Amino acid sequence: MSDSRALTNMVARAHEHLAPVLNPGDLAVDLTAGNGHDTLFLYRCVGPRGRVLAFDIQQQALEMTSALLREAGAEVAFGPWEETSSSAVHLVHDSHCRLNRYLTEAPRAMIANCGYLPGGDSPLKTEKASTVAALSRALGMLAPGGRIAVVLYVGHPGGREEGEAVADLFRSLPPQRWRVLRLEALSRRDAPYLLVAEKR
């Protein structure tokens, strides 16, 4: 019997929309490493010849991500990617709104899960201003044909405002250069929803 929650699992839907634009050897970015599952998904898509850059402001999140990736056999390093590095995954202890300091080429895919770190320090969460700043930079840096997926959680204080600000940003993208999708579950008012943008 299938899991009825699978239909509305926005993280799984985000992965489904990013996988078609990622190939072995590509560069991908996880803007919010969290518990590492998105970083691991990106690594599996680009493989050991590719590169994944994952950001988080919480050291706990980066340590969980590192453990998960190493268990999967990935070479993991902390700090920005360097040409001399053999590691496929680089974990950056910094805000995603400063990603332009770490990227020197255009990623094929980016993902962000907004809100709290599951099981983490609950007062720490993504904030509207830094999220919009990060996504504005990310959209500008994305490779042509690439996609960015953002899962927005609206059931916590500030979450709905953050979601509306991100939706406004995606809505403002010129249709001549972008394809934009919004996917949501209508059966629950506070259910998370997904935004995906593809650069033409």
N, C-alpha and C. Protein backbone atom coordinates (compact mmCIF):
# COMPACT_ATOMS: atom_id res chain seq x y z
N MET A 1 0.84 -1.19 0.00
CA MET A 1 0.00 0.00 0.00
C MET A 1 0.89 1.25 0.00
N SER A 2 0.58 2.23 -0.81
CA SER A 2 1.40 3.43 -0.92
C SER A 2 1.15 4.37 0.26
N ASP A 3 2.15 5.18 0.56
CA ASP A 3 2.06 6.16 1.63
C ASP A 3 1.27 7.36 1.12
N SER A 4 0.13 7.67 1.75
CA SER A 4 -0.73 8.76 1.28
C SER A 4 -0.06 10.12 1.43
N ARG A 5 0.97 10.21 2.30
CA ARG A 5 1.67 11.48 2.48
C ARG A 5 2.63 11.77 1.34
N ALA A 6 2.98 10.77 0.54
CA ALA A 6 3.97 10.95 -0.52
C ALA A 6 3.54 12.01 -1.52
N LEU A 7 2.26 12.09 -1.79
CA LEU A 7 1.75 13.06 -2.77
C LEU A 7 2.07 14.48 -2.35
N THR A 8 1.99 14.76 -1.06
CA THR A 8 2.19 16.13 -0.58
C THR A 8 3.55 16.34 0.10
N ASN A 9 4.48 15.41 -0.11
CA ASN A 9 5.84 15.56 0.43
C ASN A 9 6.61 16.51 -0.49
N MET A 10 6.69 17.77 -0.09
CA MET A 10 7.26 18.78 -0.96
C MET A 10 8.77 18.63 -1.15
N VAL A 11 9.46 18.05 -0.18
CA VAL A 11 10.89 17.82 -0.36
C VAL A 11 11.10 16.79 -1.47
N ALA A 12 10.31 15.72 -1.45
CA ALA A 12 10.41 14.71 -2.51
C ALA A 12 10.06 15.31 -3.86
N ARG A 13 9.06 16.18 -3.89
CA ARG A 13 8.68 16.83 -5.16
C ARG A 13 9.81 17.75 -5.64
N ALA A 14 10.47 18.42 -4.70
CA ALA A 14 11.60 19.28 -5.07
C ALA A 14 12.70 18.45 -5.72
N HIS A 15 13.01 17.30 -5.14
CA HIS A 15 14.04 16.43 -5.71
C HIS A 15 13.64 15.97 -7.11
N GLU A 16 12.38 15.64 -7.30
CA GLU A 16 11.91 15.19 -8.61
C GLU A 16 12.09 16.27 -9.68
N HIS A 17 11.97 17.53 -9.29
CA HIS A 17 12.09 18.61 -10.27
C HIS A 17 13.55 19.00 -10.52
N LEU A 18 14.44 18.70 -9.59
CA LEU A 18 15.85 19.03 -9.78
C LEU A 18 16.62 17.93 -10.50
N ALA A 19 16.24 16.69 -10.27
CA ALA A 19 17.00 15.56 -10.83
C ALA A 19 17.18 15.63 -12.35
N PRO A 20 16.16 16.03 -13.12
CA PRO A 20 16.35 16.03 -14.58
C PRO A 20 17.39 17.01 -15.11
N VAL A 21 17.76 18.02 -14.33
CA VAL A 21 18.75 19.00 -14.83
C VAL A 21 20.15 18.74 -14.29
N LEU A 22 20.33 17.69 -13.49
CA LEU A 22 21.63 17.38 -12.90
C LEU A 22 22.25 16.16 -13.54
N ASN A 23 23.54 16.25 -13.83
CA ASN A 23 24.29 15.15 -14.42
C ASN A 23 25.59 14.95 -13.64
N PRO A 24 26.19 13.76 -13.74
CA PRO A 24 27.48 13.55 -13.09
C PRO A 24 28.49 14.62 -13.52
N GLY A 25 29.21 15.14 -12.54
CA GLY A 25 30.19 16.18 -12.81
C GLY A 25 29.69 17.59 -12.66
N ASP A 26 28.38 17.79 -12.45
CA ASP A 26 27.81 19.13 -12.31
C ASP A 26 28.10 19.74 -10.95
N LEU A 27 27.83 21.05 -10.85
CA LEU A 27 27.88 21.78 -9.59
C LEU A 27 26.47 22.04 -9.10
N ALA A 28 26.20 21.77 -7.83
CA ALA A 28 24.90 22.01 -7.21
C ALA A 28 25.10 22.65 -5.85
N VAL A 29 24.07 23.35 -5.39
CA VAL A 29 24.17 24.09 -4.12
C VAL A 29 22.96 23.80 -3.25
N ASP A 30 23.23 23.46 -1.99
CA ASP A 30 22.20 23.36 -0.97
C ASP A 30 22.32 24.61 -0.10
N LEU A 31 21.34 25.47 -0.20
CA LEU A 31 21.39 26.74 0.52
C LEU A 31 21.13 26.60 2.01
N THR A 32 20.51 25.47 2.42
CA THR A 32 20.17 25.24 3.83
C THR A 32 20.44 23.76 4.14
N ALA A 33 21.66 23.45 4.53
CA ALA A 33 22.05 22.04 4.68
C ALA A 33 21.16 21.27 5.63
N GLY A 34 20.77 21.88 6.76
CA GLY A 34 19.87 21.21 7.70
C GLY A 34 20.39 19.86 8.14
N ASN A 35 19.56 18.83 8.00
CA ASN A 35 19.97 17.49 8.43
C ASN A 35 20.71 16.71 7.34
N GLY A 36 20.95 17.34 6.19
CA GLY A 36 21.82 16.75 5.18
C GLY A 36 21.14 15.98 4.07
N HIS A 37 19.84 15.78 4.14
CA HIS A 37 19.18 14.93 3.14
C HIS A 37 19.17 15.55 1.75
N ASP A 38 19.00 16.86 1.66
CA ASP A 38 19.07 17.51 0.35
C ASP A 38 20.49 17.49 -0.20
N THR A 39 21.46 17.70 0.68
CA THR A 39 22.86 17.65 0.25
C THR A 39 23.20 16.27 -0.29
N LEU A 40 22.74 15.24 0.40
CA LEU A 40 22.98 13.87 -0.04
C LEU A 40 22.31 13.61 -1.39
N PHE A 41 21.08 14.09 -1.57
CA PHE A 41 20.40 13.95 -2.85
C PHE A 41 21.22 14.61 -3.97
N LEU A 42 21.70 15.82 -3.75
CA LEU A 42 22.49 16.51 -4.78
C LEU A 42 23.77 15.74 -5.08
N TYR A 43 24.43 15.24 -4.04
CA TYR A 43 25.66 14.47 -4.24
C TYR A 43 25.39 13.23 -5.07
N ARG A 44 24.31 12.54 -4.80
CA ARG A 44 23.99 11.33 -5.58
C ARG A 44 23.72 11.66 -7.04
N CYS A 45 23.22 12.86 -7.30
CA CYS A 45 22.97 13.27 -8.69
C CYS A 45 24.27 13.63 -9.42
N VAL A 46 25.17 14.34 -8.76
CA VAL A 46 26.38 14.82 -9.45
C VAL A 46 27.56 13.86 -9.32
N GLY A 47 27.50 12.97 -8.33
CA GLY A 47 28.54 11.96 -8.16
C GLY A 47 29.86 12.52 -7.66
N PRO A 48 30.84 11.64 -7.47
CA PRO A 48 32.13 12.06 -6.91
C PRO A 48 32.92 12.99 -7.84
N ARG A 49 32.59 13.00 -9.14
CA ARG A 49 33.27 13.93 -10.06
C ARG A 49 32.62 15.31 -10.04
N GLY A 50 31.44 15.42 -9.45
CA GLY A 50 30.77 16.70 -9.34
C GLY A 50 31.11 17.39 -8.04
N ARG A 51 30.43 18.53 -7.80
CA ARG A 51 30.67 19.28 -6.58
C ARG A 51 29.35 19.75 -6.00
N VAL A 52 29.26 19.69 -4.68
CA VAL A 52 28.11 20.21 -3.96
C VAL A 52 28.62 21.17 -2.90
N LEU A 53 28.05 22.36 -2.88
CA LEU A 53 28.34 23.35 -1.85
C LEU A 53 27.10 23.47 -0.98
N ALA A 54 27.24 23.27 0.33
CA ALA A 54 26.10 23.31 1.25
C ALA A 54 26.35 24.31 2.36
N PHE A 55 25.38 25.19 2.57
CA PHE A 55 25.50 26.26 3.57
C PHE A 55 24.62 25.97 4.78
N ASP A 56 25.10 26.40 5.96
CA ASP A 56 24.24 26.46 7.14
C ASP A 56 24.91 27.34 8.18
N ILE A 57 24.10 28.06 8.95
CA ILE A 57 24.65 28.90 10.01
C ILE A 57 24.82 28.12 11.31
N GLN A 58 24.31 26.88 11.35
CA GLN A 58 24.41 26.07 12.57
C GLN A 58 25.47 24.98 12.38
N GLN A 59 26.46 24.97 13.25
CA GLN A 59 27.49 23.95 13.18
C GLN A 59 26.89 22.56 13.35
N GLN A 60 25.87 22.45 14.20
CA GLN A 60 25.21 21.16 14.40
C GLN A 60 24.68 20.60 13.09
N ALA A 61 24.10 21.46 12.27
CA ALA A 61 23.56 21.03 10.99
C ALA A 61 24.68 20.52 10.08
N LEU A 62 25.79 21.22 10.05
CA LEU A 62 26.90 20.81 9.20
C LEU A 62 27.51 19.49 9.67
N GLU A 63 27.56 19.28 10.98
CA GLU A 63 28.09 18.02 11.50
C GLU A 63 27.17 16.86 11.15
N MET A 64 25.84 17.06 11.24
CA MET A 64 24.90 16.01 10.84
C MET A 64 25.02 15.72 9.35
N THR A 65 25.13 16.78 8.56
CA THR A 65 25.27 16.62 7.11
C THR A 65 26.55 15.87 6.77
N SER A 66 27.65 16.24 7.43
CA SER A 66 28.93 15.57 7.19
C SER A 66 28.84 14.08 7.51
N ALA A 67 28.23 13.73 8.63
CA ALA A 67 28.11 12.32 9.01
C ALA A 67 27.28 11.55 7.99
N LEU A 68 26.19 12.13 7.54
CA LEU A 68 25.33 11.46 6.56
C LEU A 68 26.05 11.25 5.23
N LEU A 69 26.77 12.27 4.78
CA LEU A 69 27.49 12.18 3.50
C LEU A 69 28.64 11.20 3.58
N ARG A 70 29.37 11.20 4.68
CA ARG A 70 30.50 10.27 4.82
C ARG A 70 30.01 8.83 4.89
N GLU A 71 28.87 8.64 5.53
CA GLU A 71 28.27 7.30 5.58
C GLU A 71 27.93 6.80 4.18
N ALA A 72 27.60 7.74 3.28
CA ALA A 72 27.28 7.38 1.90
C ALA A 72 28.52 7.28 1.02
N GLY A 73 29.69 7.50 1.61
CA GLY A 73 30.94 7.35 0.87
C GLY A 73 31.45 8.61 0.20
N ALA A 74 30.87 9.75 0.53
CA ALA A 74 31.29 11.01 -0.08
C ALA A 74 32.52 11.57 0.62
N GLU A 75 33.38 12.21 -0.16
CA GLU A 75 34.50 12.97 0.41
C GLU A 75 33.96 14.33 0.81
N VAL A 76 34.13 14.69 2.08
CA VAL A 76 33.55 15.93 2.62
C VAL A 76 34.65 16.82 3.17
N ALA A 77 34.53 18.11 2.90
CA ALA A 77 35.46 19.10 3.46
C ALA A 77 34.66 20.27 3.99
N PHE A 78 35.23 20.98 4.95
CA PHE A 78 34.61 22.18 5.49
C PHE A 78 35.27 23.40 4.87
N GLY A 79 34.45 24.34 4.45
CA GLY A 79 34.96 25.56 3.85
C GLY A 79 34.71 25.59 2.36
N PRO A 80 35.06 26.70 1.70
CA PRO A 80 34.78 26.85 0.28
C PRO A 80 35.58 25.88 -0.58
N TRP A 81 35.05 25.59 -1.74
CA TRP A 81 35.73 24.69 -2.68
C TRP A 81 36.97 25.36 -3.23
N GLU A 82 38.05 24.57 -3.33
CA GLU A 82 39.28 25.06 -3.94
C GLU A 82 39.70 24.08 -5.02
N GLU A 83 40.41 24.59 -6.02
CA GLU A 83 40.79 23.75 -7.16
C GLU A 83 41.65 22.58 -6.75
N THR A 84 42.38 22.70 -5.66
CA THR A 84 43.27 21.63 -5.21
C THR A 84 42.52 20.57 -4.40
N SER A 85 41.26 20.80 -4.10
CA SER A 85 40.51 19.88 -3.24
C SER A 85 39.99 18.69 -4.04
N SER A 86 40.03 17.51 -3.43
CA SER A 86 39.47 16.31 -4.06
C SER A 86 38.07 15.99 -3.52
N SER A 87 37.59 16.78 -2.57
CA SER A 87 36.30 16.51 -1.95
C SER A 87 35.16 16.92 -2.86
N ALA A 88 34.14 16.07 -2.93
CA ALA A 88 32.97 16.36 -3.76
C ALA A 88 32.01 17.30 -3.06
N VAL A 89 31.99 17.26 -1.72
CA VAL A 89 31.04 18.07 -0.95
C VAL A 89 31.81 19.02 -0.04
N HIS A 90 31.43 20.29 -0.10
CA HIS A 90 32.03 21.29 0.78
C HIS A 90 30.93 21.93 1.63
N LEU A 91 31.15 21.91 2.94
CA LEU A 91 30.18 22.44 3.89
C LEU A 91 30.66 23.79 4.39
N VAL A 92 29.81 24.80 4.25
CA VAL A 92 30.20 26.17 4.55
C VAL A 92 29.40 26.68 5.75
N HIS A 93 30.13 27.06 6.81
CA HIS A 93 29.49 27.60 8.01
C HIS A 93 29.30 29.10 7.82
N ASP A 94 28.24 29.45 7.10
CA ASP A 94 27.98 30.84 6.79
C ASP A 94 26.53 30.95 6.32
N SER A 95 26.04 32.18 6.26
CA SER A 95 24.67 32.41 5.79
C SER A 95 24.59 32.21 4.28
N HIS A 96 23.48 31.64 3.86
CA HIS A 96 23.27 31.44 2.42
C HIS A 96 23.17 32.75 1.66
N CYS A 97 22.92 33.86 2.35
CA CYS A 97 22.82 35.14 1.65
C CYS A 97 24.20 35.64 1.19
N ARG A 98 25.27 34.95 1.62
CA ARG A 98 26.61 35.32 1.17
C ARG A 98 27.18 34.31 0.19
N LEU A 99 26.31 33.56 -0.49
CA LEU A 99 26.79 32.52 -1.40
C LEU A 99 27.64 33.08 -2.53
N ASN A 100 27.45 34.35 -2.89
CA ASN A 100 28.24 34.94 -3.98
C ASN A 100 29.72 35.03 -3.62
N ARG A 101 30.05 34.95 -2.34
CA ARG A 101 31.46 34.97 -1.93
C ARG A 101 32.14 33.63 -2.18
N TYR A 102 31.37 32.59 -2.39
CA TYR A 102 31.91 31.24 -2.49
C TYR A 102 31.78 30.63 -3.88
N LEU A 103 30.90 31.17 -4.71
CA LEU A 103 30.66 30.59 -6.03
C LEU A 103 31.42 31.35 -7.10
N THR A 104 32.15 30.62 -7.93
CA THR A 104 32.88 31.25 -9.03
C THR A 104 32.34 30.78 -10.38
N GLU A 105 31.37 29.86 -10.37
CA GLU A 105 30.74 29.41 -11.60
C GLU A 105 29.28 29.14 -11.35
N ALA A 106 28.54 28.93 -12.41
CA ALA A 106 27.07 28.83 -12.31
C ALA A 106 26.64 27.40 -11.99
N PRO A 107 25.89 27.20 -10.90
CA PRO A 107 25.38 25.87 -10.58
C PRO A 107 24.24 25.47 -11.51
N ARG A 108 24.06 24.17 -11.67
CA ARG A 108 22.95 23.64 -12.46
C ARG A 108 21.68 23.54 -11.63
N ALA A 109 21.81 23.41 -10.32
CA ALA A 109 20.64 23.28 -9.46
C ALA A 109 20.96 23.80 -8.07
N MET A 110 19.92 24.34 -7.44
CA MET A 110 20.02 24.80 -6.05
C MET A 110 18.73 24.43 -5.33
N ILE A 111 18.84 24.20 -4.02
CA ILE A 111 17.67 23.86 -3.22
C ILE A 111 17.75 24.59 -1.88
N ALA A 112 16.59 24.93 -1.34
CA ALA A 112 16.50 25.52 -0.01
C ALA A 112 15.26 24.98 0.69
N ASN A 113 15.43 24.62 1.95
CA ASN A 113 14.32 24.24 2.82
C ASN A 113 14.26 25.30 3.90
N CYS A 114 13.24 26.13 3.87
CA CYS A 114 13.14 27.23 4.82
C CYS A 114 12.50 26.77 6.13
N GLY A 115 12.78 27.50 7.20
CA GLY A 115 12.20 27.18 8.50
C GLY A 115 13.26 26.76 9.49
N TYR A 116 12.91 25.79 10.35
CA TYR A 116 13.77 25.32 11.43
C TYR A 116 14.59 24.10 11.01
N LEU A 117 15.71 23.89 11.69
CA LEU A 117 16.44 22.64 11.60
C LEU A 117 15.68 21.59 12.40
N PRO A 118 15.24 20.48 11.78
CA PRO A 118 14.52 19.46 12.55
C PRO A 118 15.36 18.94 13.71
N GLY A 119 14.82 19.08 14.93
CA GLY A 119 15.53 18.63 16.12
C GLY A 119 16.63 19.57 16.57
N GLY A 120 16.71 20.74 15.94
CA GLY A 120 17.79 21.67 16.26
C GLY A 120 17.38 22.73 17.25
N ASP A 121 18.11 23.82 17.25
CA ASP A 121 17.88 24.94 18.16
C ASP A 121 16.69 25.75 17.63
N SER A 122 15.51 25.55 18.21
CA SER A 122 14.27 26.09 17.63
C SER A 122 14.23 27.60 17.44
N PRO A 123 14.88 28.42 18.27
CA PRO A 123 14.82 29.86 17.98
C PRO A 123 15.50 30.24 16.66
N LEU A 124 16.41 29.38 16.19
CA LEU A 124 17.10 29.67 14.94
C LEU A 124 16.29 29.15 13.76
N LYS A 125 15.97 30.04 12.84
CA LYS A 125 15.23 29.65 11.64
C LYS A 125 15.61 30.60 10.52
N THR A 126 15.26 30.23 9.31
CA THR A 126 15.51 31.14 8.21
C THR A 126 14.64 32.37 8.38
N GLU A 127 15.13 33.50 7.92
CA GLU A 127 14.44 34.78 8.08
C GLU A 127 14.13 35.36 6.70
N LYS A 128 13.03 36.10 6.64
CA LYS A 128 12.55 36.65 5.37
C LYS A 128 13.64 37.43 4.63
N ALA A 129 14.28 38.36 5.31
CA ALA A 129 15.24 39.24 4.63
C ALA A 129 16.42 38.47 4.06
N SER A 130 17.03 37.59 4.86
CA SER A 130 18.20 36.86 4.38
C SER A 130 17.81 35.82 3.33
N THR A 131 16.63 35.23 3.47
CA THR A 131 16.18 34.25 2.47
C THR A 131 15.96 34.92 1.12
N VAL A 132 15.29 36.06 1.11
CA VAL A 132 15.05 36.77 -0.15
C VAL A 132 16.37 37.23 -0.76
N ALA A 133 17.29 37.72 0.09
CA ALA A 133 18.60 38.14 -0.42
C ALA A 133 19.35 36.96 -1.03
N ALA A 134 19.32 35.82 -0.34
CA ALA A 134 20.01 34.62 -0.84
C ALA A 134 19.41 34.15 -2.16
N LEU A 135 18.09 34.10 -2.22
CA LEU A 135 17.44 33.59 -3.42
C LEU A 135 17.60 34.56 -4.59
N SER A 136 17.62 35.85 -4.32
CA SER A 136 17.86 36.83 -5.38
C SER A 136 19.23 36.60 -6.01
N ARG A 137 20.24 36.37 -5.16
CA ARG A 137 21.59 36.10 -5.67
C ARG A 137 21.63 34.75 -6.38
N ALA A 138 20.97 33.75 -5.79
CA ALA A 138 20.97 32.41 -6.38
C ALA A 138 20.36 32.42 -7.77
N LEU A 139 19.25 33.12 -7.93
CA LEU A 139 18.59 33.18 -9.24
C LEU A 139 19.51 33.82 -10.28
N GLY A 140 20.25 34.84 -9.87
CA GLY A 140 21.16 35.49 -10.79
C GLY A 140 22.35 34.63 -11.17
N MET A 141 22.76 33.71 -10.28
CA MET A 141 23.94 32.89 -10.52
C MET A 141 23.63 31.57 -11.21
N LEU A 142 22.38 31.17 -11.25
CA LEU A 142 21.99 29.88 -11.80
C LEU A 142 22.36 29.77 -13.28
N ALA A 143 22.82 28.60 -13.68
CA ALA A 143 23.17 28.37 -15.09
C ALA A 143 21.92 28.33 -15.95
N PRO A 144 21.99 28.77 -17.20
CA PRO A 144 20.85 28.61 -18.12
C PRO A 144 20.44 27.14 -18.22
N GLY A 145 19.15 26.90 -18.14
CA GLY A 145 18.65 25.53 -18.12
C GLY A 145 18.61 24.93 -16.73
N GLY A 146 19.18 25.62 -15.76
CA GLY A 146 19.20 25.14 -14.39
C GLY A 146 17.90 25.44 -13.65
N ARG A 147 17.74 24.82 -12.49
CA ARG A 147 16.54 25.00 -11.69
C ARG A 147 16.89 25.25 -10.22
N ILE A 148 16.03 26.01 -9.57
CA ILE A 148 16.13 26.22 -8.12
C ILE A 148 14.79 25.85 -7.50
N ALA A 149 14.83 25.08 -6.42
CA ALA A 149 13.62 24.62 -5.72
C ALA A 149 13.66 25.10 -4.28
N VAL A 150 12.54 25.65 -3.81
CA VAL A 150 12.45 26.18 -2.45
C VAL A 150 11.21 25.60 -1.78
N VAL A 151 11.41 24.93 -0.66
CA VAL A 151 10.30 24.42 0.15
C VAL A 151 10.07 25.41 1.27
N LEU A 152 8.82 25.89 1.37
CA LEU A 152 8.46 26.93 2.35
C LEU A 152 7.48 26.38 3.36
N TYR A 153 7.82 26.57 4.63
CA TYR A 153 6.99 26.11 5.74
C TYR A 153 6.32 27.34 6.37
N VAL A 154 5.01 27.31 6.47
CA VAL A 154 4.27 28.51 6.88
C VAL A 154 3.62 28.37 8.25
N GLY A 155 3.80 27.26 8.93
CA GLY A 155 3.10 27.02 10.19
C GLY A 155 3.78 27.56 11.43
N HIS A 156 4.92 28.22 11.29
CA HIS A 156 5.63 28.77 12.45
C HIS A 156 5.64 30.29 12.36
N PRO A 157 5.90 30.98 13.48
CA PRO A 157 5.91 32.45 13.46
C PRO A 157 6.90 32.98 12.42
N GLY A 158 6.42 33.84 11.56
CA GLY A 158 7.25 34.41 10.51
C GLY A 158 7.30 33.60 9.24
N GLY A 159 6.85 32.36 9.30
CA GLY A 159 6.93 31.49 8.13
C GLY A 159 6.04 31.92 6.98
N ARG A 160 4.83 32.35 7.31
CA ARG A 160 3.92 32.78 6.24
C ARG A 160 4.46 34.04 5.55
N GLU A 161 5.01 34.97 6.34
CA GLU A 161 5.56 36.20 5.76
C GLU A 161 6.77 35.89 4.88
N GLU A 162 7.61 34.97 5.35
CA GLU A 162 8.76 34.57 4.55
C GLU A 162 8.30 33.93 3.24
N GLY A 163 7.31 33.05 3.34
CA GLY A 163 6.79 32.40 2.15
C GLY A 163 6.22 33.38 1.15
N GLU A 164 5.47 34.36 1.64
CA GLU A 164 4.87 35.35 0.74
C GLU A 164 5.94 36.19 0.06
N ALA A 165 7.00 36.52 0.79
CA ALA A 165 8.08 37.32 0.20
C ALA A 165 8.81 36.53 -0.89
N VAL A 166 9.04 35.25 -0.64
CA VAL A 166 9.70 34.42 -1.66
C VAL A 166 8.78 34.22 -2.86
N ALA A 167 7.49 34.00 -2.60
CA ALA A 167 6.53 33.85 -3.71
C ALA A 167 6.49 35.12 -4.55
N ASP A 168 6.53 36.29 -3.90
CA ASP A 168 6.55 37.56 -4.64
C ASP A 168 7.80 37.66 -5.52
N LEU A 169 8.94 37.23 -4.97
CA LEU A 169 10.18 37.25 -5.74
C LEU A 169 10.06 36.37 -6.98
N PHE A 170 9.56 35.15 -6.82
CA PHE A 170 9.43 34.24 -7.95
C PHE A 170 8.38 34.74 -8.94
N ARG A 171 7.33 35.36 -8.41
CA ARG A 171 6.28 35.89 -9.28
C ARG A 171 6.79 37.03 -10.15
N SER A 172 7.80 37.74 -9.66
CA SER A 172 8.33 38.89 -10.39
C SER A 172 9.30 38.51 -11.50
N LEU A 173 9.67 37.24 -11.59
CA LEU A 173 10.64 36.82 -12.61
C LEU A 173 10.03 36.95 -14.00
N PRO A 174 10.73 37.56 -14.95
CA PRO A 174 10.17 37.76 -16.28
C PRO A 174 9.94 36.43 -17.01
N PRO A 175 8.73 36.21 -17.52
CA PRO A 175 8.42 34.93 -18.15
C PRO A 175 9.24 34.65 -19.41
N GLN A 176 9.82 35.66 -20.01
CA GLN A 176 10.66 35.44 -21.18
C GLN A 176 11.95 34.69 -20.81
N ARG A 177 12.33 34.80 -19.53
CA ARG A 177 13.59 34.20 -19.10
C ARG A 177 13.41 33.08 -18.08
N TRP A 178 12.19 32.94 -17.54
CA TRP A 178 11.98 31.98 -16.45
C TRP A 178 10.68 31.21 -16.63
N ARG A 179 10.70 29.95 -16.24
CA ARG A 179 9.49 29.16 -16.03
C ARG A 179 9.36 28.96 -14.53
N VAL A 180 8.19 29.22 -13.96
CA VAL A 180 8.01 29.16 -12.51
C VAL A 180 6.81 28.28 -12.17
N LEU A 181 6.99 27.43 -11.18
CA LEU A 181 5.96 26.50 -10.73
C LEU A 181 5.71 26.70 -9.23
N ARG A 182 4.44 26.65 -8.83
CA ARG A 182 4.08 26.61 -7.41
C ARG A 182 3.24 25.35 -7.20
N LEU A 183 3.66 24.53 -6.24
CA LEU A 183 2.96 23.28 -5.94
C LEU A 183 2.57 23.29 -4.47
N GLU A 184 1.28 23.10 -4.19
CA GLU A 184 0.82 23.14 -2.80
C GLU A 184 -0.30 22.15 -2.56
N ALA A 185 -0.47 21.77 -1.30
CA ALA A 185 -1.56 20.88 -0.89
C ALA A 185 -2.72 21.75 -0.42
N LEU A 186 -3.85 21.66 -1.08
CA LEU A 186 -4.99 22.51 -0.75
C LEU A 186 -5.80 21.99 0.44
N SER A 187 -5.51 20.77 0.87
CA SER A 187 -6.31 20.17 1.95
C SER A 187 -5.87 20.60 3.34
N ARG A 188 -4.71 21.28 3.45
CA ARG A 188 -4.22 21.75 4.76
C ARG A 188 -3.76 23.18 4.63
N ARG A 189 -4.32 24.05 5.48
CA ARG A 189 -4.02 25.48 5.38
C ARG A 189 -2.55 25.79 5.65
N ASP A 190 -1.94 25.10 6.61
CA ASP A 190 -0.56 25.40 6.98
C ASP A 190 0.45 24.42 6.39
N ALA A 191 0.05 23.73 5.32
CA ALA A 191 0.97 22.77 4.70
C ALA A 191 2.10 23.51 3.99
N PRO A 192 3.30 22.93 3.99
CA PRO A 192 4.39 23.55 3.23
C PRO A 192 4.08 23.51 1.73
N TYR A 193 4.69 24.43 1.00
CA TYR A 193 4.52 24.40 -0.45
C TYR A 193 5.87 24.58 -1.13
N LEU A 194 5.88 24.30 -2.42
CA LEU A 194 7.11 24.27 -3.20
C LEU A 194 7.07 25.30 -4.31
N LEU A 195 8.17 26.02 -4.48
CA LEU A 195 8.37 26.90 -5.62
C LEU A 195 9.58 26.39 -6.40
N VAL A 196 9.43 26.31 -7.71
CA VAL A 196 10.53 25.91 -8.59
C VAL A 196 10.65 26.94 -9.70
N ALA A 197 11.87 27.37 -9.97
CA ALA A 197 12.12 28.29 -11.09
C ALA A 197 13.19 27.67 -11.99
N GLU A 198 12.93 27.71 -13.29
CA GLU A 198 13.88 27.22 -14.29
C GLU A 198 14.32 28.39 -15.16
N LYS A 199 15.63 28.58 -15.26
CA LYS A 199 16.15 29.66 -16.10
C LYS A 199 16.20 29.18 -17.54
N ARG A 200 15.60 29.95 -18.44
CA ARG A 200 15.58 29.58 -19.87
C ARG A 200 16.96 29.77 -20.50
